[in-house]
Amino acid sequence: MQPAQDDRSLGELFADLSRQTSQLIHQEVTLAKAEITDKAASAGKNVGFIAAGGVIVYAGFLAILAAIIILIAKAIAWWLAALIVGVVVVAIGGFLVYDGLQSLKRTNLAPQQTIDTLKEDQQWMKEQI
């Protein structure tokens, strides 16, 4: 069997390559936008956990301050109750902040899928030329 012969001129081949390259670049940009949007949404969720944890830690700090004030001004039973509440609130907030930070550290914000396909596209273009 003989391979199929392409009767297009060199100019037509380069025009076709140019058209395909433009289309490929457009598709890569679209992919990069989608991938970055997805990663930004994930990072935004983790930032939300950090913010929620920070608010809860702040509330716990206020409860601990209230416990210190009550300790000075009132009987021991009041400050002990406020201290226990404060420690629990701080522990919950600290867990949320820690978890959010760990998740954020694990999030790779680079558009890895786009980078991989760009490498493939580079190889394809070399083969076309």
N, C-alpha and C. Protein backbone atom coordinates (compact mmCIF):
# COMPACT_ATOMS: atom_id res chain seq x y z
N MET A 1 0.83 -1.19 0.00
CA MET A 1 0.00 0.00 0.00
C MET A 1 0.87 1.24 0.00
N GLN A 2 0.42 2.23 -0.72
CA GLN A 2 1.15 3.49 -0.76
C GLN A 2 0.44 4.49 0.15
N PRO A 3 1.22 5.31 0.85
CA PRO A 3 0.59 6.31 1.73
C PRO A 3 -0.18 7.33 0.90
N ALA A 4 -1.22 7.88 1.49
CA ALA A 4 -2.02 8.90 0.80
C ALA A 4 -1.16 10.12 0.56
N GLN A 5 -1.33 10.69 -0.63
CA GLN A 5 -0.51 11.84 -1.00
C GLN A 5 -1.30 13.12 -0.78
N ASP A 6 -0.66 14.10 -0.19
CA ASP A 6 -1.30 15.38 0.08
C ASP A 6 -0.93 16.33 -1.05
N ASP A 7 -1.92 16.80 -1.79
CA ASP A 7 -1.68 17.65 -2.96
C ASP A 7 -1.68 19.13 -2.61
N ARG A 8 -1.70 19.46 -1.34
CA ARG A 8 -1.72 20.88 -0.97
C ARG A 8 -0.33 21.48 -1.13
N SER A 9 -0.33 22.77 -1.44
CA SER A 9 0.96 23.46 -1.59
C SER A 9 1.55 23.75 -0.22
N LEU A 10 2.82 24.16 -0.23
CA LEU A 10 3.50 24.49 1.01
C LEU A 10 2.80 25.65 1.72
N GLY A 11 2.36 26.62 0.96
CA GLY A 11 1.62 27.75 1.54
C GLY A 11 0.33 27.32 2.20
N GLU A 12 -0.39 26.39 1.54
CA GLU A 12 -1.63 25.89 2.12
C GLU A 12 -1.36 25.08 3.39
N LEU A 13 -0.29 24.32 3.38
CA LEU A 13 0.08 23.54 4.56
C LEU A 13 0.40 24.46 5.75
N PHE A 14 1.18 25.53 5.47
CA PHE A 14 1.51 26.47 6.55
C PHE A 14 0.27 27.24 7.01
N ALA A 15 -0.63 27.58 6.09
CA ALA A 15 -1.87 28.26 6.47
C ALA A 15 -2.71 27.34 7.36
N ASP A 16 -2.77 26.05 6.99
CA ASP A 16 -3.51 25.08 7.79
C ASP A 16 -2.87 24.92 9.17
N LEU A 17 -1.54 24.84 9.20
CA LEU A 17 -0.83 24.74 10.48
C LEU A 17 -1.08 25.97 11.34
N SER A 18 -1.06 27.13 10.72
CA SER A 18 -1.31 28.37 11.46
C SER A 18 -2.72 28.38 12.04
N ARG A 19 -3.70 27.96 11.25
CA ARG A 19 -5.08 27.91 11.70
C ARG A 19 -5.23 26.93 12.86
N GLN A 20 -4.63 25.76 12.73
CA GLN A 20 -4.71 24.75 13.79
C GLN A 20 -4.00 25.23 15.06
N THR A 21 -2.88 25.92 14.88
CA THR A 21 -2.14 26.43 16.03
C THR A 21 -2.97 27.48 16.76
N SER A 22 -3.61 28.37 16.01
CA SER A 22 -4.45 29.40 16.63
C SER A 22 -5.60 28.76 17.40
N GLN A 23 -6.22 27.76 16.79
CA GLN A 23 -7.31 27.07 17.45
C GLN A 23 -6.82 26.37 18.72
N LEU A 24 -5.66 25.77 18.64
CA LEU A 24 -5.08 25.07 19.79
C LEU A 24 -4.78 26.04 20.92
N ILE A 25 -4.21 27.18 20.58
CA ILE A 25 -3.90 28.19 21.61
C ILE A 25 -5.18 28.68 22.26
N HIS A 26 -6.21 28.91 21.46
CA HIS A 26 -7.50 29.34 22.01
C HIS A 26 -8.05 28.30 22.97
N GLN A 27 -7.96 27.02 22.62
CA GLN A 27 -8.44 25.95 23.49
C GLN A 27 -7.62 25.87 24.77
N GLU A 28 -6.32 26.09 24.66
CA GLU A 28 -5.46 26.06 25.85
C GLU A 28 -5.80 27.20 26.81
N VAL A 29 -6.07 28.38 26.25
CA VAL A 29 -6.45 29.51 27.10
C VAL A 29 -7.77 29.22 27.80
N THR A 30 -8.71 28.64 27.09
CA THR A 30 -9.99 28.27 27.69
C THR A 30 -9.79 27.25 28.81
N LEU A 31 -8.95 26.27 28.57
CA LEU A 31 -8.65 25.26 29.59
C LEU A 31 -7.98 25.90 30.81
N ALA A 32 -7.04 26.79 30.57
CA ALA A 32 -6.34 27.45 31.68
C ALA A 32 -7.32 28.26 32.53
N LYS A 33 -8.24 28.98 31.86
CA LYS A 33 -9.23 29.76 32.61
C LYS A 33 -10.09 28.86 33.48
N ALA A 34 -10.54 27.74 32.92
CA ALA A 34 -11.39 26.82 33.68
C ALA A 34 -10.62 26.22 34.86
N GLU A 35 -9.38 25.85 34.63
CA GLU A 35 -8.58 25.24 35.68
C GLU A 35 -8.27 26.23 36.80
N ILE A 36 -7.93 27.45 36.43
CA ILE A 36 -7.63 28.47 37.44
C ILE A 36 -8.88 28.83 38.24
N THR A 37 -10.03 28.90 37.57
CA THR A 37 -11.29 29.18 38.27
C THR A 37 -11.58 28.09 39.30
N ASP A 38 -11.36 26.84 38.92
CA ASP A 38 -11.59 25.72 39.84
C ASP A 38 -10.66 25.80 41.04
N LYS A 39 -9.39 26.07 40.79
CA LYS A 39 -8.42 26.14 41.89
C LYS A 39 -8.68 27.36 42.78
N ALA A 40 -9.12 28.47 42.19
CA ALA A 40 -9.43 29.66 42.98
C ALA A 40 -10.62 29.41 43.89
N ALA A 41 -11.61 28.67 43.40
CA ALA A 41 -12.77 28.34 44.24
C ALA A 41 -12.35 27.48 45.43
N SER A 42 -11.46 26.53 45.19
CA SER A 42 -10.97 25.68 46.27
C SER A 42 -10.18 26.50 47.29
N ALA A 43 -9.33 27.38 46.80
CA ALA A 43 -8.55 28.23 47.70
C ALA A 43 -9.47 29.17 48.48
N GLY A 44 -10.51 29.67 47.82
CA GLY A 44 -11.47 30.55 48.50
C GLY A 44 -12.17 29.85 49.64
N LYS A 45 -12.52 28.58 49.44
CA LYS A 45 -13.16 27.80 50.51
C LYS A 45 -12.21 27.67 51.69
N ASN A 46 -10.94 27.39 51.42
CA ASN A 46 -9.97 27.25 52.51
C ASN A 46 -9.75 28.57 53.23
N VAL A 47 -9.75 29.66 52.51
CA VAL A 47 -9.63 30.98 53.14
C VAL A 47 -10.84 31.23 54.03
N GLY A 48 -12.01 30.77 53.59
CA GLY A 48 -13.22 30.89 54.41
C GLY A 48 -13.08 30.13 55.73
N PHE A 49 -12.50 28.92 55.67
CA PHE A 49 -12.27 28.16 56.90
C PHE A 49 -11.31 28.91 57.83
N ILE A 50 -10.28 29.49 57.24
CA ILE A 50 -9.31 30.24 58.05
C ILE A 50 -10.00 31.43 58.71
N ALA A 51 -10.82 32.14 57.94
CA ALA A 51 -11.52 33.30 58.50
C ALA A 51 -12.50 32.87 59.60
N ALA A 52 -13.25 31.79 59.35
CA ALA A 52 -14.19 31.31 60.38
C ALA A 52 -13.44 30.87 61.63
N GLY A 53 -12.32 30.19 61.44
CA GLY A 53 -11.51 29.79 62.59
C GLY A 53 -10.98 30.99 63.35
N GLY A 54 -10.57 32.02 62.61
CA GLY A 54 -10.08 33.24 63.26
C GLY A 54 -11.15 33.93 64.09
N VAL A 55 -12.37 33.97 63.56
CA VAL A 55 -13.48 34.58 64.30
C VAL A 55 -13.77 33.79 65.57
N ILE A 56 -13.76 32.46 65.46
CA ILE A 56 -14.03 31.63 66.63
C ILE A 56 -12.92 31.75 67.67
N VAL A 57 -11.67 31.80 67.21
CA VAL A 57 -10.55 32.01 68.14
C VAL A 57 -10.70 33.36 68.85
N TYR A 58 -11.11 34.37 68.12
CA TYR A 58 -11.31 35.70 68.71
C TYR A 58 -12.42 35.65 69.76
N ALA A 59 -13.51 34.95 69.47
CA ALA A 59 -14.59 34.81 70.45
C ALA A 59 -14.08 34.09 71.70
N GLY A 60 -13.26 33.06 71.50
CA GLY A 60 -12.67 32.35 72.64
C GLY A 60 -11.76 33.24 73.45
N PHE A 61 -11.00 34.06 72.76
CA PHE A 61 -10.13 35.01 73.45
C PHE A 61 -10.94 35.97 74.32
N LEU A 62 -12.05 36.43 73.77
CA LEU A 62 -12.92 37.32 74.55
C LEU A 62 -13.49 36.60 75.77
N ALA A 63 -13.83 35.31 75.60
CA ALA A 63 -14.35 34.54 76.74
C ALA A 63 -13.27 34.36 77.80
N ILE A 64 -12.02 34.13 77.37
CA ILE A 64 -10.92 34.00 78.33
C ILE A 64 -10.71 35.33 79.06
N LEU A 65 -10.78 36.41 78.33
CA LEU A 65 -10.68 37.72 78.98
C LEU A 65 -11.82 37.92 79.99
N ALA A 66 -13.02 37.50 79.61
CA ALA A 66 -14.14 37.61 80.54
C ALA A 66 -13.89 36.76 81.78
N ALA A 67 -13.26 35.59 81.58
CA ALA A 67 -12.95 34.73 82.72
C ALA A 67 -11.96 35.40 83.66
N ILE A 68 -10.97 36.06 83.10
CA ILE A 68 -9.99 36.76 83.94
C ILE A 68 -10.65 37.90 84.71
N ILE A 69 -11.52 38.62 84.02
CA ILE A 69 -12.24 39.71 84.69
C ILE A 69 -13.13 39.18 85.80
N ILE A 70 -13.85 38.10 85.49
CA ILE A 70 -14.73 37.51 86.50
C ILE A 70 -13.92 36.97 87.67
N LEU A 71 -12.74 36.39 87.39
CA LEU A 71 -11.87 35.89 88.45
C LEU A 71 -11.51 37.00 89.42
N ILE A 72 -11.20 38.12 88.87
CA ILE A 72 -10.80 39.23 89.73
C ILE A 72 -12.01 39.80 90.47
N ALA A 73 -13.15 39.88 89.79
CA ALA A 73 -14.30 40.58 90.37
C ALA A 73 -15.27 39.69 91.14
N LYS A 74 -15.34 38.44 90.82
CA LYS A 74 -16.39 37.58 91.40
C LYS A 74 -15.81 36.32 92.03
N ALA A 75 -16.68 35.39 92.29
CA ALA A 75 -16.29 34.13 92.92
C ALA A 75 -15.66 33.18 91.91
N ILE A 76 -15.02 32.17 92.42
CA ILE A 76 -14.27 31.24 91.59
C ILE A 76 -15.16 30.48 90.62
N ALA A 77 -16.35 30.11 90.96
CA ALA A 77 -17.21 29.31 90.09
C ALA A 77 -17.47 30.03 88.75
N TRP A 78 -17.63 31.32 88.75
CA TRP A 78 -17.90 32.06 87.52
C TRP A 78 -16.72 32.00 86.56
N TRP A 79 -15.55 32.27 87.07
CA TRP A 79 -14.39 32.30 86.17
C TRP A 79 -14.06 30.91 85.63
N LEU A 80 -14.30 29.88 86.44
CA LEU A 80 -14.03 28.53 85.98
C LEU A 80 -14.94 28.15 84.81
N ALA A 81 -16.19 28.53 84.92
CA ALA A 81 -17.13 28.26 83.83
C ALA A 81 -16.73 29.03 82.57
N ALA A 82 -16.40 30.30 82.72
CA ALA A 82 -16.00 31.11 81.56
C ALA A 82 -14.69 30.60 80.96
N LEU A 83 -13.77 30.15 81.82
CA LEU A 83 -12.49 29.62 81.32
C LEU A 83 -12.70 28.34 80.52
N ILE A 84 -13.55 27.46 81.01
CA ILE A 84 -13.83 26.23 80.28
C ILE A 84 -14.44 26.53 78.92
N VAL A 85 -15.40 27.44 78.87
CA VAL A 85 -16.02 27.82 77.59
C VAL A 85 -14.98 28.44 76.67
N GLY A 86 -14.16 29.29 77.21
CA GLY A 86 -13.13 29.93 76.39
C GLY A 86 -12.13 28.95 75.80
N VAL A 87 -11.70 27.99 76.60
CA VAL A 87 -10.74 26.99 76.11
C VAL A 87 -11.36 26.13 75.01
N VAL A 88 -12.61 25.74 75.19
CA VAL A 88 -13.29 24.94 74.16
C VAL A 88 -13.44 25.74 72.86
N VAL A 89 -13.83 26.99 72.96
CA VAL A 89 -14.01 27.83 71.76
C VAL A 89 -12.66 28.03 71.06
N VAL A 90 -11.62 28.30 71.82
CA VAL A 90 -10.29 28.47 71.22
C VAL A 90 -9.82 27.17 70.56
N ALA A 91 -10.08 26.04 71.19
CA ALA A 91 -9.67 24.76 70.61
C ALA A 91 -10.38 24.51 69.27
N ILE A 92 -11.66 24.79 69.21
CA ILE A 92 -12.42 24.62 67.96
C ILE A 92 -11.90 25.57 66.89
N GLY A 93 -11.71 26.82 67.25
CA GLY A 93 -11.19 27.79 66.29
C GLY A 93 -9.79 27.45 65.82
N GLY A 94 -8.96 27.02 66.75
CA GLY A 94 -7.60 26.62 66.38
C GLY A 94 -7.59 25.45 65.43
N PHE A 95 -8.49 24.48 65.64
CA PHE A 95 -8.60 23.35 64.73
C PHE A 95 -9.01 23.81 63.33
N LEU A 96 -9.98 24.72 63.25
CA LEU A 96 -10.42 25.21 61.94
C LEU A 96 -9.31 25.96 61.20
N VAL A 97 -8.58 26.79 61.93
CA VAL A 97 -7.47 27.52 61.31
C VAL A 97 -6.39 26.55 60.83
N TYR A 98 -6.03 25.60 61.67
CA TYR A 98 -5.02 24.61 61.31
C TYR A 98 -5.45 23.81 60.07
N ASP A 99 -6.68 23.33 60.08
CA ASP A 99 -7.19 22.54 58.96
C ASP A 99 -7.22 23.37 57.67
N GLY A 100 -7.66 24.60 57.75
CA GLY A 100 -7.68 25.47 56.57
C GLY A 100 -6.29 25.74 56.04
N LEU A 101 -5.33 25.98 56.92
CA LEU A 101 -3.95 26.22 56.49
C LEU A 101 -3.34 24.98 55.84
N GLN A 102 -3.60 23.82 56.42
CA GLN A 102 -3.07 22.58 55.84
C GLN A 102 -3.67 22.32 54.46
N SER A 103 -4.96 22.54 54.31
CA SER A 103 -5.61 22.35 53.01
C SER A 103 -5.08 23.35 51.99
N LEU A 104 -4.85 24.57 52.42
CA LEU A 104 -4.33 25.60 51.52
C LEU A 104 -2.91 25.27 51.08
N LYS A 105 -2.10 24.72 51.97
CA LYS A 105 -0.73 24.33 51.62
C LYS A 105 -0.72 23.19 50.60
N ARG A 106 -1.71 22.31 50.68
CA ARG A 106 -1.78 21.17 49.76
C ARG A 106 -2.34 21.56 48.39
N THR A 107 -2.94 22.73 48.28
CA THR A 107 -3.56 23.15 47.03
C THR A 107 -2.49 23.68 46.08
N ASN A 108 -2.37 23.03 44.93
CA ASN A 108 -1.44 23.48 43.89
C ASN A 108 -2.19 24.44 42.99
N LEU A 109 -1.82 25.71 43.00
CA LEU A 109 -2.55 26.72 42.25
C LEU A 109 -2.11 26.82 40.80
N ALA A 110 -1.05 26.13 40.43
CA ALA A 110 -0.61 26.15 39.04
C ALA A 110 -1.59 25.36 38.18
N PRO A 111 -1.90 25.86 36.98
CA PRO A 111 -2.81 25.12 36.09
C PRO A 111 -2.09 23.92 35.47
N GLN A 112 -1.91 22.87 36.25
CA GLN A 112 -1.08 21.73 35.85
C GLN A 112 -1.59 21.05 34.58
N GLN A 113 -2.89 20.93 34.45
CA GLN A 113 -3.45 20.29 33.26
C GLN A 113 -3.08 21.08 32.01
N THR A 114 -3.14 22.40 32.10
CA THR A 114 -2.78 23.25 30.97
C THR A 114 -1.30 23.13 30.65
N ILE A 115 -0.47 23.10 31.67
CA ILE A 115 0.97 22.96 31.46
C ILE A 115 1.28 21.64 30.75
N ASP A 116 0.62 20.57 31.18
CA ASP A 116 0.85 19.27 30.55
C ASP A 116 0.42 19.27 29.09
N THR A 117 -0.74 19.85 28.81
CA THR A 117 -1.20 19.86 27.41
C THR A 117 -0.37 20.79 26.55
N LEU A 118 0.17 21.85 27.13
CA LEU A 118 1.06 22.73 26.36
C LEU A 118 2.32 21.99 25.94
N LYS A 119 2.82 21.14 26.82
CA LYS A 119 3.99 20.33 26.47
C LYS A 119 3.64 19.37 25.33
N GLU A 120 2.45 18.78 25.41
CA GLU A 120 2.01 17.89 24.34
C GLU A 120 1.84 18.67 23.03
N ASP A 121 1.28 19.87 23.14
CA ASP A 121 1.08 20.70 21.95
C ASP A 121 2.41 21.09 21.32
N GLN A 122 3.40 21.36 22.15
CA GLN A 122 4.73 21.70 21.64
C GLN A 122 5.30 20.53 20.85
N GLN A 123 5.12 19.34 21.39
CA GLN A 123 5.60 18.14 20.69
C GLN A 123 4.84 17.95 19.38
N TRP A 124 3.53 18.17 19.39
CA TRP A 124 2.72 18.03 18.18
C TRP A 124 3.17 19.01 17.11
N MET A 125 3.43 20.27 17.55
CA MET A 125 3.87 21.28 16.57
C MET A 125 5.21 20.91 15.95
N LYS A 126 6.12 20.35 16.75
CA LYS A 126 7.40 19.92 16.22
C LYS A 126 7.21 18.83 15.18
N GLU A 127 6.28 17.91 15.46
CA GLU A 127 6.01 16.84 14.51
C GLU A 127 5.37 17.36 13.23
N GLN A 128 4.55 18.40 13.35
CA GLN A 128 3.89 18.97 12.18
C GLN A 128 4.87 19.69 11.26
N ILE A 129 5.84 20.34 11.88
CA ILE A 129 6.82 21.10 11.09
C ILE A 129 7.80 20.13 10.49
